[in-house]
Amino acid sequence: MTLVESRENTVASVPVRLAVIMPVFGNWGDTLDCLRMLAGQTSQEFRLFLADDGSPESPPDAIHAFPFVTYLRKQHGGFASTCNFAADVAADAGYTHILLLNNDTSFGPSFIEVWLAKAAASPQAIMGPVICYFDQPDVIWYSGGPRSVVVPFVRLRRRFTEQTAVDILTGCVLLVPVPAWTRINGFDEQYELYYEDFDFMLRAREAGVPAYLVIEPELRVLHKVSRSALHRGRWNRDYRMIATRLLFIRRRYAGMERVVCLGASIPHLAMVALQNIPELPNPRRLWMAIRKGLTDDASGEPAQPSVSLRDSRNVP
């Protein structure tokens, strides 16, 4: 266990054991790029749990050349279940914090070092950084912010100038204390893809866990945006996003707010269709996505949990 002394508080230090959790579904090229960035960090005081969500292709042998990697594989079940699976392994191994990290991200050499300092300074807080587009480094992709009726539809892109308490952060890059993750029960696995992080953040707020948008330049992340999902087609991604958006609205809004959000879903769907032209949706799959979002399950049968299979290679 490494004692990490906070740059912000030199009097009180806490022992931090950091588990980086990287869920993957194919897209091994970006994954290897991300592993190389982690290999070049100024601090190697972390363990990476590379959580393979049943990728159709076997991982390249090169991933096992990195000494900090623990490779885990499970049956395909989606982003939420994969993160929960890896977080359980990390918690059982005694890690104090998990850092969720998408494999299609880019960051600087002090990324881990500064996260360790932030975790030591605020050991009970959830934190996330400003995230910009990889191809447009000065344009914010997501920043986080307050809960409102626009959250299901609009990316929060405020240019923060100081560390700020927020309600919503994205799971693309998210630091969570393990006790908080365990107490909140991680991600809700009914969100197969998207909105599981917003739901988690709102449940964290209800549980009294503080959350902050952090602005250190060393923590700034560039995001290649949905590389793993988009290679199978935009509508394939959007079917799942439509279902989970409706589920999120039903779960997290009530009264007039719910009416407003459900009503806004109709013109929002029309806008998505226009953006996807000339690719058109499959009517049956679109209807199934809407039905699933409104009823929790498109088939009408109770949802079945995925079966998790663990590859114990390199488990510390």
C-alpha atoms as a PDB file:
ATOM      1  CA  MET A   1       0.000   0.000   0.000  1.00  0.00           C
ATOM      2  CA  THR A   2       1.384   3.379  -0.980  1.00  0.00           C
ATOM      3  CA  LEU A   3       0.961   6.473   1.156  1.00  0.00           C
ATOM      4  CA  VAL A   4       0.164   9.293  -1.219  1.00  0.00           C
ATOM      5  CA  GLU A   5       0.627  12.777   0.211  1.00  0.00           C
ATOM      6  CA  SER A   6      -1.815  15.331  -1.106  1.00  0.00           C
ATOM      7  CA  ARG A   7      -0.442  18.399  -2.845  1.00  0.00           C
ATOM      8  CA  GLU A   8      -3.465  20.286  -1.500  1.00  0.00           C
ATOM      9  CA  ASN A   9      -3.146  19.217   2.119  1.00  0.00           C
ATOM     10  CA  THR A  10       0.350  18.464   3.377  1.00  0.00           C
ATOM     11  CA  VAL A  11      -0.873  17.882   6.951  1.00  0.00           C
ATOM     12  CA  ALA A  12      -3.365  15.077   6.444  1.00  0.00           C
ATOM     13  CA  SER A  13      -2.516  12.240   4.083  1.00  0.00           C
ATOM     14  CA  VAL A  14      -4.445   9.089   3.387  1.00  0.00           C
ATOM     15  CA  PRO A  15      -3.367   5.749   1.973  1.00  0.00           C
ATOM     16  CA  VAL A  16      -4.632   5.458  -1.586  1.00  0.00           C
ATOM     17  CA  ARG A  17      -4.690   2.289  -3.644  1.00  0.00           C
ATOM     18  CA  LEU A  18      -5.891   3.113  -7.124  1.00  0.00           C
ATOM     19  CA  ALA A  19      -7.557   0.632  -9.466  1.00  0.00           C
ATOM     20  CA  VAL A  20      -8.032   1.899 -13.011  1.00  0.00           C
ATOM     21  CA  ILE A  21     -10.982   0.124 -14.647  1.00  0.00           C
ATOM     22  CA  MET A  22     -11.035   0.095 -18.438  1.00  0.00           C
ATOM     23  CA  PRO A  23     -14.077  -1.650 -19.982  1.00  0.00           C
ATOM     24  CA  VAL A  24     -13.442  -2.831 -23.525  1.00  0.00           C
ATOM     25  CA  PHE A  25     -15.442  -4.376 -26.331  1.00  0.00           C
ATOM     26  CA  GLY A  26     -13.060  -4.837 -29.235  1.00  0.00           C
ATOM     27  CA  ASN A  27     -11.327  -1.652 -30.425  1.00  0.00           C
ATOM     28  CA  TRP A  28      -7.947  -3.052 -29.387  1.00  0.00           C
ATOM     29  CA  GLY A  29      -6.008  -0.399 -31.310  1.00  0.00           C
ATOM     30  CA  ASP A  30      -7.265   2.427 -29.103  1.00  0.00           C
ATOM     31  CA  THR A  31      -6.851   0.206 -26.053  1.00  0.00           C
ATOM     32  CA  LEU A  32      -3.163  -0.357 -26.799  1.00  0.00           C
ATOM     33  CA  ASP A  33      -2.678   3.382 -27.348  1.00  0.00           C
ATOM     34  CA  CYS A  34      -4.215   4.018 -23.923  1.00  0.00           C
ATOM     35  CA  LEU A  35      -2.043   1.340 -22.284  1.00  0.00           C
ATOM     36  CA  ARG A  36       1.071   2.956 -23.736  1.00  0.00           C
ATOM     37  CA  MET A  37       0.042   6.293 -22.205  1.00  0.00           C
ATOM     38  CA  LEU A  38      -0.425   4.585 -18.845  1.00  0.00           C
ATOM     39  CA  ALA A  39       2.994   2.935 -19.199  1.00  0.00           C
ATOM     40  CA  GLY A  40       4.529   6.407 -19.583  1.00  0.00           C
ATOM     41  CA  GLN A  41       2.999   7.879 -16.428  1.00  0.00           C
ATOM     42  CA  THR A  42       5.156   9.674 -13.860  1.00  0.00           C
ATOM     43  CA  SER A  43       3.580   7.452 -11.195  1.00  0.00           C
ATOM     44  CA  GLN A  44       3.047   3.729 -11.601  1.00  0.00           C
ATOM     45  CA  GLU A  45       1.147   3.446  -8.308  1.00  0.00           C
ATOM     46  CA  PHE A  46      -1.968   1.902  -9.838  1.00  0.00           C
ATOM     47  CA  ARG A  47      -3.351  -1.355 -11.169  1.00  0.00           C
ATOM     48  CA  LEU A  48      -5.293  -1.520 -14.424  1.00  0.00           C
ATOM     49  CA  PHE A  49      -8.212  -3.931 -14.590  1.00  0.00           C
ATOM     50  CA  LEU A  50      -8.799  -4.404 -18.308  1.00  0.00           C
ATOM     51  CA  ALA A  51     -12.389  -5.654 -18.335  1.00  0.00           C
ATOM     52  CA  ASP A  52     -13.275  -7.396 -21.596  1.00  0.00           C
ATOM     53  CA  ASP A  53     -17.042  -7.419 -22.158  1.00  0.00           C
ATOM     54  CA  GLY A  54     -16.974 -10.586 -24.290  1.00  0.00           C
ATOM     55  CA  SER A  55     -15.247  -9.000 -27.292  1.00  0.00           C
ATOM     56  CA  PRO A  56     -15.794 -10.936 -30.532  1.00  0.00           C
ATOM     57  CA  GLU A  57     -12.029 -10.850 -31.185  1.00  0.00           C
ATOM     58  CA  SER A  58      -9.398 -12.199 -28.822  1.00  0.00           C
ATOM     59  CA  PRO A  59      -7.190  -9.520 -27.255  1.00  0.00           C
ATOM     60  CA  PRO A  60      -3.740  -9.053 -28.792  1.00  0.00           C
ATOM     61  CA  ASP A  61      -0.881 -10.675 -26.913  1.00  0.00           C
ATOM     62  CA  ALA A  62       0.649  -7.215 -26.540  1.00  0.00           C
ATOM     63  CA  ILE A  63      -1.726  -6.309 -23.692  1.00  0.00           C
ATOM     64  CA  HIS A  64      -0.042  -8.895 -21.463  1.00  0.00           C
ATOM     65  CA  ALA A  65       3.336  -7.196 -21.919  1.00  0.00           C
ATOM     66  CA  PHE A  66       2.274  -4.353 -19.624  1.00  0.00           C
ATOM     67  CA  PRO A  67       3.129  -5.303 -16.026  1.00  0.00           C
ATOM     68  CA  PHE A  68       0.332  -3.212 -14.522  1.00  0.00           C
ATOM     69  CA  VAL A  69      -2.484  -4.984 -16.429  1.00  0.00           C
ATOM     70  CA  THR A  70      -4.900  -7.486 -14.963  1.00  0.00           C
ATOM     71  CA  TYR A  71      -6.998  -8.900 -17.801  1.00  0.00           C
ATOM     72  CA  LEU A  72     -10.557  -9.928 -16.945  1.00  0.00           C
ATOM     73  CA  ARG A  73     -13.104 -11.377 -19.347  1.00  0.00           C
ATOM     74  CA  LYS A  74     -16.829 -11.907 -18.934  1.00  0.00           C
ATOM     75  CA  GLN A  75     -19.844 -12.772 -21.023  1.00  0.00           C
ATOM     76  CA  HIS A  76     -21.103  -9.783 -23.016  1.00  0.00           C
ATOM     77  CA  GLY A  77     -23.504  -7.808 -20.882  1.00  0.00           C
ATOM     78  CA  GLY A  78     -22.843  -4.129 -21.542  1.00  0.00           C
ATOM     79  CA  PHE A  79     -20.869  -1.269 -20.068  1.00  0.00           C
ATOM     80  CA  ALA A  80     -22.605  -1.179 -16.681  1.00  0.00           C
ATOM     81  CA  SER A  81     -22.227  -4.876 -15.894  1.00  0.00           C
ATOM     82  CA  THR A  82     -18.602  -4.859 -17.053  1.00  0.00           C
ATOM     83  CA  CYS A  83     -17.722  -1.933 -14.785  1.00  0.00           C
ATOM     84  CA  ASN A  84     -19.520  -3.575 -11.856  1.00  0.00           C
ATOM     85  CA  PHE A  85     -17.701  -6.851 -12.482  1.00  0.00           C
ATOM     86  CA  ALA A  86     -14.259  -5.223 -12.500  1.00  0.00           C
ATOM     87  CA  ALA A  87     -15.093  -2.971  -9.528  1.00  0.00           C
ATOM     88  CA  ASP A  88     -16.025  -6.053  -7.479  1.00  0.00           C
ATOM     89  CA  VAL A  89     -12.647  -7.596  -8.282  1.00  0.00           C
ATOM     90  CA  ALA A  90     -10.853  -4.371  -7.326  1.00  0.00           C
ATOM     91  CA  ALA A  91     -12.806  -4.029  -4.082  1.00  0.00           C
ATOM     92  CA  ASP A  92     -12.060  -7.628  -3.125  1.00  0.00           C
ATOM     93  CA  ALA A  93      -8.360  -6.927  -3.742  1.00  0.00           C
ATOM     94  CA  GLY A  94      -8.388  -4.027  -1.270  1.00  0.00           C
ATOM     95  CA  TYR A  95      -8.246  -1.011  -3.565  1.00  0.00           C
ATOM     96  CA  THR A  96      -9.553   2.239  -2.049  1.00  0.00           C
ATOM     97  CA  HIS A  97     -10.494   4.063  -5.263  1.00  0.00           C
ATOM     98  CA  ILE A  98     -11.534   3.138  -8.761  1.00  0.00           C
ATOM     99  CA  LEU A  99     -10.874   5.317 -11.779  1.00  0.00           C
ATOM    100  CA  LEU A 100     -13.225   4.460 -14.629  1.00  0.00           C
ATOM    101  CA  LEU A 101     -11.410   5.199 -17.873  1.00  0.00           C
ATOM    102  CA  ASN A 102     -12.637   4.722 -21.441  1.00  0.00           C
ATOM    103  CA  ASN A 103     -10.161   3.058 -23.782  1.00  0.00           C
ATOM    104  CA  ASP A 104     -10.643   5.757 -26.433  1.00  0.00           C
ATOM    105  CA  THR A 105      -9.161   8.546 -24.320  1.00  0.00           C
ATOM    106  CA  SER A 106      -5.876  10.436 -24.331  1.00  0.00           C
ATOM    107  CA  PHE A 107      -4.145  12.214 -21.442  1.00  0.00           C
ATOM    108  CA  GLY A 108      -0.799  13.546 -20.243  1.00  0.00           C
ATOM    109  CA  PRO A 109       2.062  11.853 -18.332  1.00  0.00           C
ATOM    110  CA  SER A 110       1.046  13.249 -14.901  1.00  0.00           C
ATOM    111  CA  PHE A 111      -2.553  11.988 -15.167  1.00  0.00           C
ATOM    112  CA  ILE A 112      -2.248   9.200 -12.571  1.00  0.00           C
ATOM    113  CA  GLU A 113       0.014  11.193 -10.237  1.00  0.00           C
ATOM    114  CA  VAL A 114      -2.484  14.036  -9.968  1.00  0.00           C
ATOM    115  CA  TRP A 115      -5.454  11.672  -9.542  1.00  0.00           C
ATOM    116  CA  LEU A 116      -3.633  10.058  -6.627  1.00  0.00           C
ATOM    117  CA  ALA A 117      -3.156  13.481  -5.049  1.00  0.00           C
ATOM    118  CA  LYS A 118      -6.810  14.401  -5.574  1.00  0.00           C
ATOM    119  CA  ALA A 119      -7.964  11.118  -4.032  1.00  0.00           C
ATOM    120  CA  ALA A 120      -5.734  11.698  -1.004  1.00  0.00           C
ATOM    121  CA  ALA A 121      -6.985  15.267  -0.567  1.00  0.00           C
ATOM    122  CA  SER A 122     -10.701  14.377  -0.874  1.00  0.00           C
ATOM    123  CA  PRO A 123     -10.904  10.654  -0.111  1.00  0.00           C
ATOM    124  CA  GLN A 124     -14.713  10.517   0.134  1.00  0.00           C
ATOM    125  CA  ALA A 125     -15.552  12.485  -3.021  1.00  0.00           C
ATOM    126  CA  ILE A 126     -16.456  11.456  -6.548  1.00  0.00           C
ATOM    127  CA  MET A 127     -14.537  13.509  -9.123  1.00  0.00           C
ATOM    128  CA  GLY A 128     -14.404  13.937 -12.857  1.00  0.00           C
ATOM    129  CA  PRO A 129     -12.378  16.160 -15.212  1.00  0.00           C
ATOM    130  CA  VAL A 130     -13.160  18.361 -18.173  1.00  0.00           C
ATOM    131  CA  ILE A 131     -13.222  16.179 -21.304  1.00  0.00           C
ATOM    132  CA  CYS A 132     -12.545  17.595 -24.784  1.00  0.00           C
ATOM    133  CA  TYR A 133     -12.770  16.147 -28.281  1.00  0.00           C
ATOM    134  CA  PHE A 134      -9.641  14.310 -29.451  1.00  0.00           C
ATOM    135  CA  ASP A 135      -9.878  15.920 -32.887  1.00  0.00           C
ATOM    136  CA  GLN A 136     -10.726  19.352 -31.448  1.00  0.00           C
ATOM    137  CA  PRO A 137      -8.726  19.677 -28.216  1.00  0.00           C
ATOM    138  CA  ASP A 138     -10.076  23.135 -27.402  1.00  0.00           C
ATOM    139  CA  VAL A 139     -13.740  22.097 -27.704  1.00  0.00           C
ATOM    140  CA  ILE A 140     -15.392  20.628 -24.608  1.00  0.00           C
ATOM    141  CA  TRP A 141     -17.137  17.292 -25.135  1.00  0.00           C
ATOM    142  CA  TYR A 142     -18.417  17.053 -21.544  1.00  0.00           C
ATOM    143  CA  SER A 143     -17.859  18.906 -18.308  1.00  0.00           C
ATOM    144  CA  GLY A 144     -20.618  17.890 -15.930  1.00  0.00           C
ATOM    145  CA  GLY A 145     -22.941  20.216 -14.044  1.00  0.00           C
ATOM    146  CA  PRO A 146     -26.306  20.486 -12.290  1.00  0.00           C
ATOM    147  CA  ARG A 147     -29.296  18.187 -12.595  1.00  0.00           C
ATOM    148  CA  SER A 148     -32.008  19.651 -14.839  1.00  0.00           C
ATOM    149  CA  VAL A 149     -34.531  18.594 -17.475  1.00  0.00           C
ATOM    150  CA  VAL A 150     -31.921  19.155 -20.204  1.00  0.00           C
ATOM    151  CA  VAL A 151     -29.584  16.451 -18.857  1.00  0.00           C
ATOM    152  CA  PRO A 152     -31.180  13.587 -20.879  1.00  0.00           C
ATOM    153  CA  PHE A 153     -30.792  15.502 -24.142  1.00  0.00           C
ATOM    154  CA  VAL A 154     -27.932  18.021 -24.051  1.00  0.00           C
ATOM    155  CA  ARG A 155     -24.254  17.549 -23.250  1.00  0.00           C
ATOM    156  CA  LEU A 156     -23.171  19.772 -20.361  1.00  0.00           C
ATOM    157  CA  ARG A 157     -20.251  21.822 -21.679  1.00  0.00           C
ATOM    158  CA  ARG A 158     -19.582  24.605 -19.201  1.00  0.00           C
ATOM    159  CA  ARG A 159     -16.022  25.906 -19.115  1.00  0.00           C
ATOM    160  CA  PHE A 160     -15.355  25.771 -15.374  1.00  0.00           C
ATOM    161  CA  THR A 161     -12.607  27.964 -13.904  1.00  0.00           C
ATOM    162  CA  GLU A 162     -12.462  26.375 -10.459  1.00  0.00           C
ATOM    163  CA  GLN A 163     -13.276  23.087  -8.790  1.00  0.00           C
ATOM    164  CA  THR A 164     -17.063  22.987  -8.512  1.00  0.00           C
ATOM    165  CA  ALA A 165     -19.639  20.795  -6.803  1.00  0.00           C
ATOM    166  CA  VAL A 166     -21.841  19.155  -9.451  1.00  0.00           C
ATOM    167  CA  ASP A 167     -24.709  16.685  -9.681  1.00  0.00           C
ATOM    168  CA  ILE A 168     -23.761  15.031 -12.986  1.00  0.00           C
ATOM    169  CA  LEU A 169     -20.435  13.647 -14.258  1.00  0.00           C
ATOM    170  CA  THR A 170     -19.733  11.186 -17.055  1.00  0.00           C
ATOM    171  CA  GLY A 171     -18.442   7.630 -16.627  1.00  0.00           C
ATOM    172  CA  CYS A 172     -15.948   8.222 -19.452  1.00  0.00           C
ATOM    173  CA  VAL A 173     -13.454   9.302 -16.755  1.00  0.00           C
ATOM    174  CA  LEU A 174     -14.685   9.075 -13.185  1.00  0.00           C
ATOM    175  CA  LEU A 175     -12.890   8.681  -9.849  1.00  0.00           C
ATOM    176  CA  VAL A 176     -15.018   6.957  -7.197  1.00  0.00           C
ATOM    177  CA  PRO A 177     -14.079   5.883  -3.650  1.00  0.00           C
ATOM    178  CA  VAL A 178     -14.684   2.156  -3.337  1.00  0.00           C
ATOM    179  CA  PRO A 179     -16.807   2.519  -0.151  1.00  0.00           C
ATOM    180  CA  ALA A 180     -19.106   4.949  -1.996  1.00  0.00           C
ATOM    181  CA  TRP A 181     -19.298   2.683  -5.051  1.00  0.00           C
ATOM    182  CA  THR A 182     -20.203  -0.275  -2.820  1.00  0.00           C
ATOM    183  CA  ARG A 183     -22.746   1.661  -0.763  1.00  0.00           C
ATOM    184  CA  ILE A 184     -24.509   2.953  -3.895  1.00  0.00           C
ATOM    185  CA  ASN A 185     -24.344  -0.534  -5.478  1.00  0.00           C
ATOM    186  CA  GLY A 186     -22.416   0.600  -8.547  1.00  0.00           C
ATOM    187  CA  PHE A 187     -24.110   1.022 -11.900  1.00  0.00           C
ATOM    188  CA  ASP A 188     -27.682  -0.119 -12.495  1.00  0.00           C
ATOM    189  CA  GLU A 189     -27.270  -2.909 -15.067  1.00  0.00           C
ATOM    190  CA  GLN A 190     -30.664  -2.243 -16.627  1.00  0.00           C
ATOM    191  CA  TYR A 191     -28.848   0.583 -18.398  1.00  0.00           C
ATOM    192  CA  GLU A 192     -27.174  -1.582 -21.015  1.00  0.00           C
ATOM    193  CA  LEU A 193     -25.317   1.358 -22.508  1.00  0.00           C
ATOM    194  CA  TYR A 194     -25.474   5.086 -21.651  1.00  0.00           C
ATOM    195  CA  TYR A 195     -27.148   6.948 -18.755  1.00  0.00           C
ATOM    196  CA  GLU A 196     -25.918   4.444 -16.164  1.00  0.00           C
ATOM    197  CA  ASP A 197     -23.382   7.069 -15.062  1.00  0.00           C
ATOM    198  CA  PHE A 198     -25.985   9.866 -14.717  1.00  0.00           C
ATOM    199  CA  ASP A 199     -28.256   7.534 -12.751  1.00  0.00           C
ATOM    200  CA  PHE A 200     -25.305   6.589 -10.526  1.00  0.00           C
ATOM    201  CA  MET A 201     -24.432  10.237  -9.900  1.00  0.00           C
ATOM    202  CA  LEU A 202     -27.984  11.107  -8.871  1.00  0.00           C
ATOM    203  CA  ARG A 203     -28.115   8.125  -6.517  1.00  0.00           C
ATOM    204  CA  ALA A 204     -24.772   9.279  -5.082  1.00  0.00           C
ATOM    205  CA  ARG A 205     -26.234  12.739  -4.498  1.00  0.00           C
ATOM    206  CA  GLU A 206     -29.213  11.188  -2.691  1.00  0.00           C
ATOM    207  CA  ALA A 207     -26.759   9.204  -0.533  1.00  0.00           C
ATOM    208  CA  GLY A 208     -24.879  12.384   0.423  1.00  0.00           C
ATOM    209  CA  VAL A 209     -21.676  11.606  -1.492  1.00  0.00           C
ATOM    210  CA  PRO A 210     -20.002  14.830  -2.694  1.00  0.00           C
ATOM    211  CA  ALA A 211     -19.076  15.143  -6.369  1.00  0.00           C
ATOM    212  CA  TYR A 212     -16.775  17.666  -8.017  1.00  0.00           C
ATOM    213  CA  LEU A 213     -15.715  18.749 -11.463  1.00  0.00           C
ATOM    214  CA  VAL A 214     -11.932  19.194 -11.217  1.00  0.00           C
ATOM    215  CA  ILE A 215      -9.974  21.566 -13.429  1.00  0.00           C
ATOM    216  CA  GLU A 216      -6.293  20.596 -13.064  1.00  0.00           C
ATOM    217  CA  PRO A 217      -4.745  20.731 -16.560  1.00  0.00           C
ATOM    218  CA  GLU A 218      -2.959  17.427 -15.879  1.00  0.00           C
ATOM    219  CA  LEU A 219      -6.373  15.732 -15.583  1.00  0.00           C
ATOM    220  CA  ARG A 220      -7.727  17.086 -18.857  1.00  0.00           C
ATOM    221  CA  VAL A 221      -8.778  14.245 -21.162  1.00  0.00           C
ATOM    222  CA  LEU A 222      -9.229  14.065 -24.928  1.00  0.00           C
ATOM    223  CA  HIS A 223     -11.984  11.677 -26.033  1.00  0.00           C
ATOM    224  CA  LYS A 224     -12.270   9.952 -29.414  1.00  0.00           C
ATOM    225  CA  VAL A 225     -16.026   9.492 -28.734  1.00  0.00           C
ATOM    226  CA  SER A 226     -17.841   6.154 -29.054  1.00  0.00           C
ATOM    227  CA  ARG A 227     -15.162   4.353 -31.087  1.00  0.00           C
ATOM    228  CA  SER A 228     -16.312   0.944 -29.807  1.00  0.00           C
ATOM    229  CA  ALA A 229     -20.021   1.623 -30.380  1.00  0.00           C
ATOM    230  CA  LEU A 230     -19.997   3.533 -33.657  1.00  0.00           C
ATOM    231  CA  HIS A 231     -18.092   0.959 -35.697  1.00  0.00           C
ATOM    232  CA  ARG A 232     -21.294  -1.160 -35.649  1.00  0.00           C
ATOM    233  CA  GLY A 233     -23.411   1.693 -37.008  1.00  0.00           C
ATOM    234  CA  ARG A 234     -25.007   4.835 -35.614  1.00  0.00           C
ATOM    235  CA  TRP A 235     -28.494   3.391 -35.306  1.00  0.00           C
ATOM    236  CA  ASN A 236     -27.152   0.356 -33.454  1.00  0.00           C
ATOM    237  CA  ARG A 237     -25.861   2.773 -30.833  1.00  0.00           C
ATOM    238  CA  ASP A 238     -28.937   4.993 -30.934  1.00  0.00           C
ATOM    239  CA  TYR A 239     -31.412   2.140 -30.361  1.00  0.00           C
ATOM    240  CA  ARG A 240     -29.773   1.490 -27.016  1.00  0.00           C
ATOM    241  CA  MET A 241     -29.466   5.186 -26.221  1.00  0.00           C
ATOM    242  CA  ILE A 242     -33.182   5.713 -26.900  1.00  0.00           C
ATOM    243  CA  ALA A 243     -34.099   2.843 -24.566  1.00  0.00           C
ATOM    244  CA  THR A 244     -31.841   3.958 -21.739  1.00  0.00           C
ATOM    245  CA  ARG A 245     -32.795   7.633 -22.105  1.00  0.00           C
ATOM    246  CA  LEU A 246     -36.461   6.747 -21.573  1.00  0.00           C
ATOM    247  CA  LEU A 247     -35.546   4.483 -18.649  1.00  0.00           C
ATOM    248  CA  PHE A 248     -33.471   7.282 -17.097  1.00  0.00           C
ATOM    249  CA  ILE A 249     -36.332   9.769 -17.445  1.00  0.00           C
ATOM    250  CA  ARG A 250     -38.791   7.346 -15.847  1.00  0.00           C
ATOM    251  CA  ARG A 251     -36.406   6.548 -12.992  1.00  0.00           C
ATOM    252  CA  ARG A 252     -34.992   9.989 -12.203  1.00  0.00           C
ATOM    253  CA  TYR A 253     -37.822  12.454 -12.959  1.00  0.00           C
ATOM    254  CA  ALA A 254     -41.334  12.816 -11.594  1.00  0.00           C
ATOM    255  CA  GLY A 255     -44.356  15.040 -11.993  1.00  0.00           C
ATOM    256  CA  MET A 256     -44.119  17.888 -14.491  1.00  0.00           C
ATOM    257  CA  GLU A 257     -40.404  17.281 -15.037  1.00  0.00           C
ATOM    258  CA  ARG A 258     -41.166  13.775 -16.295  1.00  0.00           C
ATOM    259  CA  VAL A 259     -43.930  15.083 -18.561  1.00  0.00           C
ATOM    260  CA  VAL A 260     -41.536  17.683 -20.020  1.00  0.00           C
ATOM    261  CA  CYS A 261     -38.760  15.134 -20.593  1.00  0.00           C
ATOM    262  CA  LEU A 262     -41.018  12.517 -22.176  1.00  0.00           C
ATOM    263  CA  GLY A 263     -42.552  15.167 -24.400  1.00  0.00           C
ATOM    264  CA  ALA A 264     -39.103  16.419 -25.438  1.00  0.00           C
ATOM    265  CA  SER A 265     -38.129  12.854 -26.393  1.00  0.00           C
ATOM    266  CA  ILE A 266     -40.334  13.039 -29.511  1.00  0.00           C
ATOM    267  CA  PRO A 267     -38.651  16.019 -31.228  1.00  0.00           C
ATOM    268  CA  HIS A 268     -35.294  14.754 -29.987  1.00  0.00           C
ATOM    269  CA  LEU A 269     -35.884  11.435 -31.770  1.00  0.00           C
ATOM    270  CA  ALA A 270     -36.751  13.342 -34.943  1.00  0.00           C
ATOM    271  CA  MET A 271     -33.485  15.276 -34.645  1.00  0.00           C
ATOM    272  CA  VAL A 272     -31.528  12.019 -34.217  1.00  0.00           C
ATOM    273  CA  ALA A 273     -33.160  10.636 -37.361  1.00  0.00           C
ATOM    274  CA  LEU A 274     -32.170  13.730 -39.342  1.00  0.00           C
ATOM    275  CA  GLN A 275     -28.589  13.506 -38.085  1.00  0.00           C
ATOM    276  CA  ASN A 276     -28.365   9.847 -39.154  1.00  0.00           C
ATOM    277  CA  ILE A 277     -29.555  10.428 -42.754  1.00  0.00           C
ATOM    278  CA  PRO A 278     -29.045   8.678 -45.152  1.00  0.00           C
ATOM    279  CA  GLU A 279     -29.039   5.709 -42.745  1.00  0.00           C
ATOM    280  CA  LEU A 280     -32.630   4.895 -41.748  1.00  0.00           C
ATOM    281  CA  PRO A 281     -33.772   3.036 -38.622  1.00  0.00           C
ATOM    282  CA  ASN A 282     -35.170  -0.454 -38.658  1.00  0.00           C
ATOM    283  CA  PRO A 283     -38.827   0.150 -37.614  1.00  0.00           C
ATOM    284  CA  ARG A 284     -39.011  -3.031 -35.534  1.00  0.00           C
ATOM    285  CA  ARG A 285     -35.778  -2.328 -33.660  1.00  0.00           C
ATOM    286  CA  LEU A 286     -36.774   1.290 -33.098  1.00  0.00           C
ATOM    287  CA  TRP A 287     -40.122   0.227 -31.644  1.00  0.00           C
ATOM    288  CA  MET A 288     -38.436  -2.382 -29.447  1.00  0.00           C
ATOM    289  CA  ALA A 289     -36.049   0.285 -28.105  1.00  0.00           C
ATOM    290  CA  ILE A 290     -38.936   2.618 -27.266  1.00  0.00           C
ATOM    291  CA  ARG A 291     -40.918  -0.198 -25.673  1.00  0.00           C
ATOM    292  CA  LYS A 292     -37.935  -1.312 -23.643  1.00  0.00           C
ATOM    293  CA  GLY A 293     -37.374   2.217 -22.358  1.00  0.00           C
ATOM    294  CA  LEU A 294     -41.007   2.550 -21.340  1.00  0.00           C
ATOM    295  CA  THR A 295     -41.448  -0.933 -19.826  1.00  0.00           C
ATOM    296  CA  ASP A 296     -37.880  -1.970 -18.774  1.00  0.00           C
ATOM    297  CA  ASP A 297     -37.914  -4.998 -21.092  1.00  0.00           C
ATOM    298  CA  ALA A 298     -38.798  -5.247 -24.780  1.00  0.00           C
ATOM    299  CA  SER A 299     -39.865  -8.891 -24.577  1.00  0.00           C
ATOM    300  CA  GLY A 300     -42.146  -8.462 -21.577  1.00  0.00           C
ATOM    301  CA  GLU A 301     -40.128 -11.115 -19.731  1.00  0.00           C
ATOM    302  CA  PRO A 302     -38.058 -10.370 -16.599  1.00  0.00           C
ATOM    303  CA  ALA A 303     -34.529  -9.270 -17.497  1.00  0.00           C
ATOM    304  CA  GLN A 304     -31.952 -12.003 -16.901  1.00  0.00           C
ATOM    305  CA  PRO A 305     -28.560 -11.103 -15.368  1.00  0.00           C
ATOM    306  CA  SER A 306     -25.468 -11.880 -17.409  1.00  0.00           C
ATOM    307  CA  VAL A 307     -23.228 -14.740 -16.326  1.00  0.00           C
ATOM    308  CA  SER A 308     -19.771 -13.494 -15.377  1.00  0.00           C
ATOM    309  CA  LEU A 309     -16.680 -15.510 -16.209  1.00  0.00           C
ATOM    310  CA  ARG A 310     -13.337 -14.394 -14.823  1.00  0.00           C
ATOM    311  CA  ASP A 311      -9.912 -14.879 -16.406  1.00  0.00           C
ATOM    312  CA  SER A 312      -7.539 -14.706 -13.421  1.00  0.00           C
ATOM    313  CA  ARG A 313      -4.453 -13.875 -15.498  1.00  0.00           C
ATOM    314  CA  ASN A 314      -2.223 -11.374 -13.630  1.00  0.00           C
ATOM    315  CA  VAL A 315      -4.606 -10.877 -10.704  1.00  0.00           C
ATOM    316  CA  PRO A 316      -2.458  -9.295  -7.957  1.00  0.00           C
END
